[in-house]
Amino acid sequence: MNKKKSENANEKKIQELLSSNKPLLLEVRAECCDHSIFIETIIRKIENEFDNSIRIARIDYQTYKNLLPGKDIEHFPTVLLIKDKNVSKVIGGTISRTNLKALANEVLESNHPSEENILSKQSK
């Protein structure tokens, strides 16, 4: 079985991920936050269960916060579930594996347009 690896994204990769139509689970972390390690472990456990239906990446908020305009991140880690270039779900703080997987599946199965287009926020 091919094991997928979540990505520690650089600026170019983040732009590519945000402009892609493929769903994205983006972990926004603070390097000084111990909870980021906890959520990273949970994400690594579920990433193979999505069978390439969602991309997974993580970024350091302090380094790349300019790429997330309009997203005031107050808790670390924060997970953004992005579909069709829109933020569908924002999860601040820690979350269980079961709940994160359920929310990701909900976003993947949803046909409703999301209310917040992350790319239109960048161009302002």
C-alpha atoms as a PDB file:
ATOM      1  CA  MET A   1       0.000   0.000   0.000  1.00  0.00           C
ATOM      2  CA  ASN A   2       1.315   3.451  -0.875  1.00  0.00           C
ATOM      3  CA  LYS A   3       1.507   5.569   2.210  1.00  0.00           C
ATOM      4  CA  LYS A   4       0.598   9.208   1.678  1.00  0.00           C
ATOM      5  CA  LYS A   5       2.528  11.893   3.471  1.00  0.00           C
ATOM      6  CA  SER A   6       1.051  15.145   4.613  1.00  0.00           C
ATOM      7  CA  GLU A   7       3.042  18.115   3.456  1.00  0.00           C
ATOM      8  CA  ASN A   8       4.844  20.874   5.295  1.00  0.00           C
ATOM      9  CA  ALA A   9       4.036  23.514   2.735  1.00  0.00           C
ATOM     10  CA  ASN A  10       6.108  26.447   1.564  1.00  0.00           C
ATOM     11  CA  GLU A  11       4.572  29.621   0.122  1.00  0.00           C
ATOM     12  CA  LYS A  12       4.446  28.395  -3.491  1.00  0.00           C
ATOM     13  CA  LYS A  13       2.948  25.080  -2.430  1.00  0.00           C
ATOM     14  CA  ILE A  14       0.354  26.821  -0.245  1.00  0.00           C
ATOM     15  CA  GLN A  15      -0.769  28.988  -3.171  1.00  0.00           C
ATOM     16  CA  GLU A  16      -1.038  25.866  -5.336  1.00  0.00           C
ATOM     17  CA  LEU A  17      -3.044  24.008  -2.684  1.00  0.00           C
ATOM     18  CA  LEU A  18      -5.423  26.931  -2.107  1.00  0.00           C
ATOM     19  CA  SER A  19      -6.072  27.416  -5.814  1.00  0.00           C
ATOM     20  CA  SER A  20      -6.673  23.726  -6.482  1.00  0.00           C
ATOM     21  CA  ASN A  21     -10.172  22.306  -6.819  1.00  0.00           C
ATOM     22  CA  LYS A  22      -9.147  19.236  -4.828  1.00  0.00           C
ATOM     23  CA  PRO A  23     -10.382  19.355  -1.220  1.00  0.00           C
ATOM     24  CA  LEU A  24      -7.769  20.328   1.335  1.00  0.00           C
ATOM     25  CA  LEU A  25      -7.347  19.730   5.035  1.00  0.00           C
ATOM     26  CA  LEU A  26      -4.969  22.485   6.129  1.00  0.00           C
ATOM     27  CA  GLU A  27      -3.509  22.393   9.614  1.00  0.00           C
ATOM     28  CA  VAL A  28      -2.512  25.869  10.745  1.00  0.00           C
ATOM     29  CA  ARG A  29      -0.115  25.516  13.628  1.00  0.00           C
ATOM     30  CA  ALA A  30       2.087  27.471  15.946  1.00  0.00           C
ATOM     31  CA  GLU A  31       5.459  25.846  16.421  1.00  0.00           C
ATOM     32  CA  CYS A  32       5.385  26.696  20.129  1.00  0.00           C
ATOM     33  CA  CYS A  33       2.044  24.942  20.703  1.00  0.00           C
ATOM     34  CA  ASP A  34       2.037  21.430  22.159  1.00  0.00           C
ATOM     35  CA  HIS A  35      -1.531  20.877  20.949  1.00  0.00           C
ATOM     36  CA  SER A  36      -0.229  21.080  17.371  1.00  0.00           C
ATOM     37  CA  ILE A  37       1.701  17.875  17.991  1.00  0.00           C
ATOM     38  CA  PHE A  38      -1.490  16.171  19.211  1.00  0.00           C
ATOM     39  CA  ILE A  39      -3.558  17.152  16.157  1.00  0.00           C
ATOM     40  CA  GLU A  40      -0.688  16.231  13.817  1.00  0.00           C
ATOM     41  CA  THR A  41      -0.767  12.706  15.257  1.00  0.00           C
ATOM     42  CA  ILE A  42      -4.525  12.485  14.649  1.00  0.00           C
ATOM     43  CA  ILE A  43      -4.191  13.787  11.087  1.00  0.00           C
ATOM     44  CA  ARG A  44      -1.431  11.285  10.319  1.00  0.00           C
ATOM     45  CA  LYS A  45      -3.684   8.459  11.546  1.00  0.00           C
ATOM     46  CA  ILE A  46      -6.586   9.405   9.273  1.00  0.00           C
ATOM     47  CA  GLU A  47      -4.764  10.595   6.144  1.00  0.00           C
ATOM     48  CA  ASN A  48      -4.541   7.146   4.548  1.00  0.00           C
ATOM     49  CA  GLU A  49      -8.249   6.568   5.108  1.00  0.00           C
ATOM     50  CA  PHE A  50      -9.210   9.283   2.613  1.00  0.00           C
ATOM     51  CA  ASP A  51      -7.737   7.436  -0.378  1.00  0.00           C
ATOM     52  CA  ASN A  52      -6.530  10.539  -2.278  1.00  0.00           C
ATOM     53  CA  SER A  53      -9.906  12.267  -1.999  1.00  0.00           C
ATOM     54  CA  ILE A  54      -8.393  15.091   0.061  1.00  0.00           C
ATOM     55  CA  ARG A  55      -4.964  16.688   0.253  1.00  0.00           C
ATOM     56  CA  ILE A  56      -3.437  17.285   3.648  1.00  0.00           C
ATOM     57  CA  ALA A  57      -0.905  19.983   4.472  1.00  0.00           C
ATOM     58  CA  ARG A  58       0.328  21.939   7.442  1.00  0.00           C
ATOM     59  CA  ILE A  59       1.673  25.448   7.752  1.00  0.00           C
ATOM     60  CA  ASP A  60       3.196  27.573  10.467  1.00  0.00           C
ATOM     61  CA  TYR A  61       0.881  30.509  11.125  1.00  0.00           C
ATOM     62  CA  GLN A  62       3.611  33.003  12.004  1.00  0.00           C
ATOM     63  CA  THR A  63       5.460  32.327   8.752  1.00  0.00           C
ATOM     64  CA  TYR A  64       2.470  32.194   6.384  1.00  0.00           C
ATOM     65  CA  LYS A  65      -0.359  34.176   8.022  1.00  0.00           C
ATOM     66  CA  ASN A  66      -0.330  36.626   5.088  1.00  0.00           C
ATOM     67  CA  LEU A  67      -1.630  33.798   2.866  1.00  0.00           C
ATOM     68  CA  LEU A  68      -4.766  33.430   4.980  1.00  0.00           C
ATOM     69  CA  PRO A  69      -6.246  36.925   4.903  1.00  0.00           C
ATOM     70  CA  GLY A  70      -9.612  37.199   6.524  1.00  0.00           C
ATOM     71  CA  LYS A  71      -8.857  34.185   8.689  1.00  0.00           C
ATOM     72  CA  ASP A  72      -8.172  35.383  12.201  1.00  0.00           C
ATOM     73  CA  ILE A  73      -6.713  32.292  13.775  1.00  0.00           C
ATOM     74  CA  GLU A  74      -7.229  32.480  17.521  1.00  0.00           C
ATOM     75  CA  HIS A  75      -6.547  28.893  18.599  1.00  0.00           C
ATOM     76  CA  PHE A  76      -3.730  26.555  17.743  1.00  0.00           C
ATOM     77  CA  PRO A  77      -3.887  24.305  16.062  1.00  0.00           C
ATOM     78  CA  THR A  78      -6.652  25.296  13.681  1.00  0.00           C
ATOM     79  CA  VAL A  79      -7.784  22.969  10.916  1.00  0.00           C
ATOM     80  CA  LEU A  80      -9.313  24.498   7.794  1.00  0.00           C
ATOM     81  CA  LEU A  81     -11.346  22.181   5.590  1.00  0.00           C
ATOM     82  CA  ILE A  82     -11.335  23.743   2.135  1.00  0.00           C
ATOM     83  CA  LYS A  83     -13.416  22.589  -0.821  1.00  0.00           C
ATOM     84  CA  ASP A  84     -13.773  24.328  -4.195  1.00  0.00           C
ATOM     85  CA  LYS A  85     -11.444  27.099  -2.975  1.00  0.00           C
ATOM     86  CA  ASN A  86     -13.828  27.847  -0.102  1.00  0.00           C
ATOM     87  CA  VAL A  87     -13.321  27.368   3.608  1.00  0.00           C
ATOM     88  CA  SER A  88     -16.082  24.937   4.537  1.00  0.00           C
ATOM     89  CA  LYS A  89     -15.161  24.241   8.154  1.00  0.00           C
ATOM     90  CA  VAL A  90     -12.869  25.874  10.706  1.00  0.00           C
ATOM     91  CA  ILE A  91     -11.896  23.784  13.704  1.00  0.00           C
ATOM     92  CA  GLY A  92     -10.019  25.647  16.422  1.00  0.00           C
ATOM     93  CA  GLY A  93      -8.104  23.724  19.053  1.00  0.00           C
ATOM     94  CA  THR A  94      -7.940  19.982  19.456  1.00  0.00           C
ATOM     95  CA  ILE A  95     -10.480  17.515  18.109  1.00  0.00           C
ATOM     96  CA  SER A  96     -10.856  13.763  18.280  1.00  0.00           C
ATOM     97  CA  ARG A  97      -9.909  11.549  15.350  1.00  0.00           C
ATOM     98  CA  THR A  98     -13.525  10.423  14.976  1.00  0.00           C
ATOM     99  CA  ASN A  99     -14.909  13.959  14.887  1.00  0.00           C
ATOM    100  CA  LEU A 100     -12.243  15.262  12.500  1.00  0.00           C
ATOM    101  CA  LYS A 101     -12.848  12.380  10.113  1.00  0.00           C
ATOM    102  CA  ALA A 102     -16.630  12.928  10.288  1.00  0.00           C
ATOM    103  CA  LEU A 103     -16.285  16.659   9.540  1.00  0.00           C
ATOM    104  CA  ALA A 104     -13.903  15.988   6.651  1.00  0.00           C
ATOM    105  CA  ASN A 105     -16.321  13.436   5.202  1.00  0.00           C
ATOM    106  CA  GLU A 106     -19.180  15.910   5.597  1.00  0.00           C
ATOM    107  CA  VAL A 107     -17.241  18.496   3.595  1.00  0.00           C
ATOM    108  CA  LEU A 108     -16.291  15.952   0.926  1.00  0.00           C
ATOM    109  CA  GLU A 109     -19.894  14.819   0.511  1.00  0.00           C
ATOM    110  CA  SER A 110     -21.428  18.304   0.552  1.00  0.00           C
ATOM    111  CA  ASN A 111     -22.679  19.757  -2.702  1.00  0.00           C
ATOM    112  CA  HIS A 112     -23.565  23.104  -1.174  1.00  0.00           C
ATOM    113  CA  PRO A 113     -21.305  26.026  -1.999  1.00  0.00           C
ATOM    114  CA  SER A 114     -19.313  27.248   0.953  1.00  0.00           C
ATOM    115  CA  GLU A 115     -19.795  30.757   2.148  1.00  0.00           C
ATOM    116  CA  GLU A 116     -16.219  31.965   2.214  1.00  0.00           C
ATOM    117  CA  ASN A 117     -13.924  31.952  -0.804  1.00  0.00           C
ATOM    118  CA  ILE A 118     -10.363  32.049   0.490  1.00  0.00           C
ATOM    119  CA  LEU A 119      -8.954  33.225  -2.861  1.00  0.00           C
ATOM    120  CA  SER A 120     -11.216  36.254  -3.126  1.00  0.00           C
ATOM    121  CA  LYS A 121      -9.995  37.313   0.317  1.00  0.00           C
ATOM    122  CA  GLN A 122      -6.384  37.152  -0.892  1.00  0.00           C
ATOM    123  CA  SER A 123      -6.961  39.519  -3.775  1.00  0.00           C
ATOM    124  CA  LYS A 124      -8.368  42.326  -1.621  1.00  0.00           C
END
